[in-house]
């Protein structure tokens, strides 16, 4: 009898732990989604999208974190994603003969780069490097292929 009560208590605790974990995870996901939605609404590239289109877009966005000096993409590499900077800074540069670099541009929060990925299959003509710890939201080119002109 005692073992059965102990077993029931154990399973009740396990159930409560599972329920609480899922509840907290769901709330966290909802808060992150709202934060992302508000951020994306402020990006010029997506200003014309309605709520339905924004929700579809949100499902196709992935957060990526880059350490200082880590490359987002490389010159002559395949175009795969559009990057929207959430925090941090990114520099765009070209590598010249003998490895010398020419800095072309500087990007920070709210800026986007790599938008040529939806236009064609040509390789990147530049390299993008995080100049500090950086968080970006990326959208794979497949999103634009599947959603056509309505995607932007």
Protein backbone atom coordinates (compact mmCIF):
# COMPACT_ATOMS: atom_id res chain seq x y z
CA UNK A 1 0.00 0.00 0.00
CA UNK A 2 2.78 2.42 0.96
CA UNK A 3 4.67 1.66 -2.26
CA UNK A 4 1.57 2.43 -4.32
CA UNK A 5 1.12 5.83 -2.63
CA UNK A 6 4.77 6.63 -3.11
CA UNK A 7 4.51 5.60 -6.74
CA UNK A 8 1.44 7.82 -7.22
CA UNK A 9 3.23 10.77 -5.60
CA UNK A 10 6.25 10.19 -7.83
CA UNK A 11 4.12 10.17 -10.98
CA UNK A 12 2.17 13.23 -9.84
CA UNK A 13 5.45 15.11 -9.29
CA UNK A 14 6.71 13.95 -12.67
CA UNK A 15 3.49 15.14 -14.32
CA UNK A 16 3.67 18.55 -12.59
CA UNK A 17 7.31 18.96 -13.58
CA UNK A 18 6.50 18.09 -17.20
CA UNK A 19 3.48 20.44 -17.24
CA UNK A 20 5.43 23.31 -15.69
CA UNK A 21 8.36 22.82 -18.07
CA UNK A 22 6.07 22.86 -21.13
CA UNK A 23 4.14 25.85 -19.80
CA UNK A 24 7.33 27.86 -19.25
CA UNK A 25 8.74 26.79 -22.61
CA UNK A 26 5.50 27.85 -24.35
CA UNK A 27 5.50 31.25 -22.64
CA UNK A 28 9.17 31.78 -23.51
CA UNK A 29 8.53 30.87 -27.17
CA UNK A 30 5.55 33.25 -27.33
CA UNK A 31 7.58 36.10 -25.84
CA UNK A 32 10.45 35.48 -28.27
CA UNK A 33 8.00 35.40 -31.19
CA UNK A 34 6.46 38.72 -30.14
CA UNK A 35 9.93 40.26 -29.76
CA UNK A 36 10.92 39.00 -33.21
CA UNK A 37 7.66 40.19 -34.79
CA UNK A 38 8.08 43.71 -33.39
CA UNK A 39 11.68 43.83 -34.58
CA UNK A 40 10.81 42.59 -38.09
CA UNK A 41 7.96 45.10 -38.42
CA UNK A 42 10.55 47.87 -38.06
CA UNK A 43 12.70 46.61 -40.95
CA UNK A 44 12.11 48.59 -44.14
CA UNK A 45 12.34 45.46 -46.30
CA UNK A 46 9.19 44.01 -44.64
CA UNK A 47 7.08 47.15 -44.08
CA UNK A 48 4.49 46.20 -46.74
CA UNK A 49 3.68 42.75 -45.32
CA UNK A 50 0.32 42.13 -43.63
CA UNK A 51 -0.09 40.09 -40.42
CA UNK A 52 -0.56 36.77 -42.27
CA UNK A 53 2.54 37.34 -44.38
CA UNK A 54 4.53 38.42 -41.32
CA UNK A 55 3.52 35.25 -39.46
CA UNK A 56 4.64 33.11 -42.40
CA UNK A 57 7.91 35.03 -42.51
CA UNK A 58 8.49 34.59 -38.76
CA UNK A 59 8.23 30.80 -39.15
CA UNK A 60 11.06 30.97 -41.70
CA UNK A 61 13.47 33.07 -39.65
CA UNK A 62 16.34 31.50 -37.74
CA UNK A 63 18.47 33.15 -35.10
CA UNK A 64 22.21 32.78 -35.56
CA UNK A 65 24.98 33.93 -33.25
CA UNK A 66 28.44 34.89 -34.44
CA UNK A 67 31.56 35.48 -32.38
CA UNK A 68 33.94 38.34 -33.10
CA UNK A 69 35.76 37.78 -36.42
CA UNK A 70 33.43 34.93 -37.46
CA UNK A 71 32.26 35.05 -41.09
CA UNK A 72 28.59 35.24 -42.04
CA UNK A 73 29.49 34.48 -45.65
CA UNK A 74 32.60 34.47 -47.84
CA UNK A 75 33.48 36.03 -51.14
CA UNK A 76 32.81 33.53 -53.96
CA UNK A 77 30.74 31.39 -51.58
CA UNK A 78 27.15 30.39 -52.39
CA UNK A 79 24.33 32.81 -51.61
CA UNK A 80 22.04 31.08 -49.13
CA UNK A 81 20.54 33.57 -46.68
CA UNK A 82 19.53 37.13 -46.07
CA UNK A 83 20.83 38.37 -42.72
CA UNK A 84 19.10 40.96 -40.54
CA UNK A 85 21.27 42.23 -37.72
CA UNK A 86 19.55 42.13 -34.34
CA UNK A 87 22.58 43.10 -32.27
CA UNK A 88 26.25 43.62 -32.89
CA UNK A 89 28.08 44.87 -35.95
CA UNK A 90 29.18 43.40 -39.27
CA UNK A 91 31.67 44.66 -41.82
CA UNK A 92 31.59 43.92 -45.53
CA UNK A 93 34.90 43.69 -47.36
CA UNK A 94 36.67 42.41 -50.46
CA UNK A 95 39.91 40.51 -50.39
CA UNK A 96 42.50 41.88 -52.81
CA UNK A 97 45.68 40.32 -54.11
CA UNK A 98 48.04 38.98 -51.47
CA UNK A 99 45.24 38.88 -48.87
CA UNK A 100 44.81 42.62 -48.33
CA UNK A 101 41.26 43.65 -47.39
CA UNK A 102 39.25 46.63 -48.59
CA UNK A 103 36.42 47.50 -46.24
CA UNK A 104 33.29 48.42 -48.15
CA UNK A 105 30.53 48.89 -45.62
CA UNK A 106 29.53 48.65 -41.98
CA UNK A 107 26.19 47.24 -40.72
CA UNK A 108 24.48 47.38 -37.32
CA UNK A 109 21.09 46.70 -35.70
CA UNK A 110 18.23 46.74 -38.18
CA UNK A 111 20.44 46.57 -41.26
CA UNK A 112 20.19 43.65 -43.66
CA UNK A 113 22.70 42.13 -46.04
CA UNK A 114 22.91 39.22 -48.42
CA UNK A 115 19.69 40.25 -50.18
CA UNK A 116 21.21 39.21 -53.50
CA UNK A 117 20.52 35.62 -52.43
CA UNK A 118 16.94 35.84 -53.65
CA UNK A 119 17.89 37.37 -57.01
CA UNK A 120 20.20 34.81 -58.56
CA UNK A 121 22.59 31.92 -58.03
CA UNK A 122 25.78 33.93 -58.45
CA UNK A 123 28.32 33.69 -55.61
CA UNK A 124 28.87 36.43 -53.03
CA UNK A 125 31.08 39.21 -54.37
CA UNK A 126 32.17 40.17 -50.84
CA UNK A 127 32.80 38.72 -47.37
CA UNK A 128 30.83 39.63 -44.24
CA UNK A 129 32.49 39.40 -40.83
CA UNK A 130 31.18 40.04 -37.32
CA UNK A 131 33.35 42.72 -35.71
CA UNK A 132 31.90 41.94 -32.28
CA UNK A 133 29.55 39.31 -30.91
CA UNK A 134 26.56 39.53 -33.21
CA UNK A 135 23.06 38.07 -33.39
CA UNK A 136 21.35 37.95 -36.76
CA UNK A 137 18.06 36.63 -38.00
CA UNK A 138 18.53 34.73 -41.23
CA UNK A 139 16.01 33.89 -43.93
CA UNK A 140 16.98 31.14 -46.32
CA UNK A 141 16.61 31.81 -50.03
CA UNK A 142 14.11 28.92 -50.22
CA UNK A 143 11.57 31.14 -48.44
CA UNK A 144 11.71 33.61 -51.34
CA UNK A 145 11.66 30.83 -53.95
CA UNK A 146 8.55 29.29 -52.35
CA UNK A 147 6.69 32.54 -51.68
CA UNK A 148 7.58 34.45 -54.84
CA UNK A 149 7.28 38.24 -55.13
CA UNK A 150 4.79 38.37 -52.26
CA UNK A 151 7.64 37.40 -49.91
CA UNK A 152 8.93 40.99 -49.92
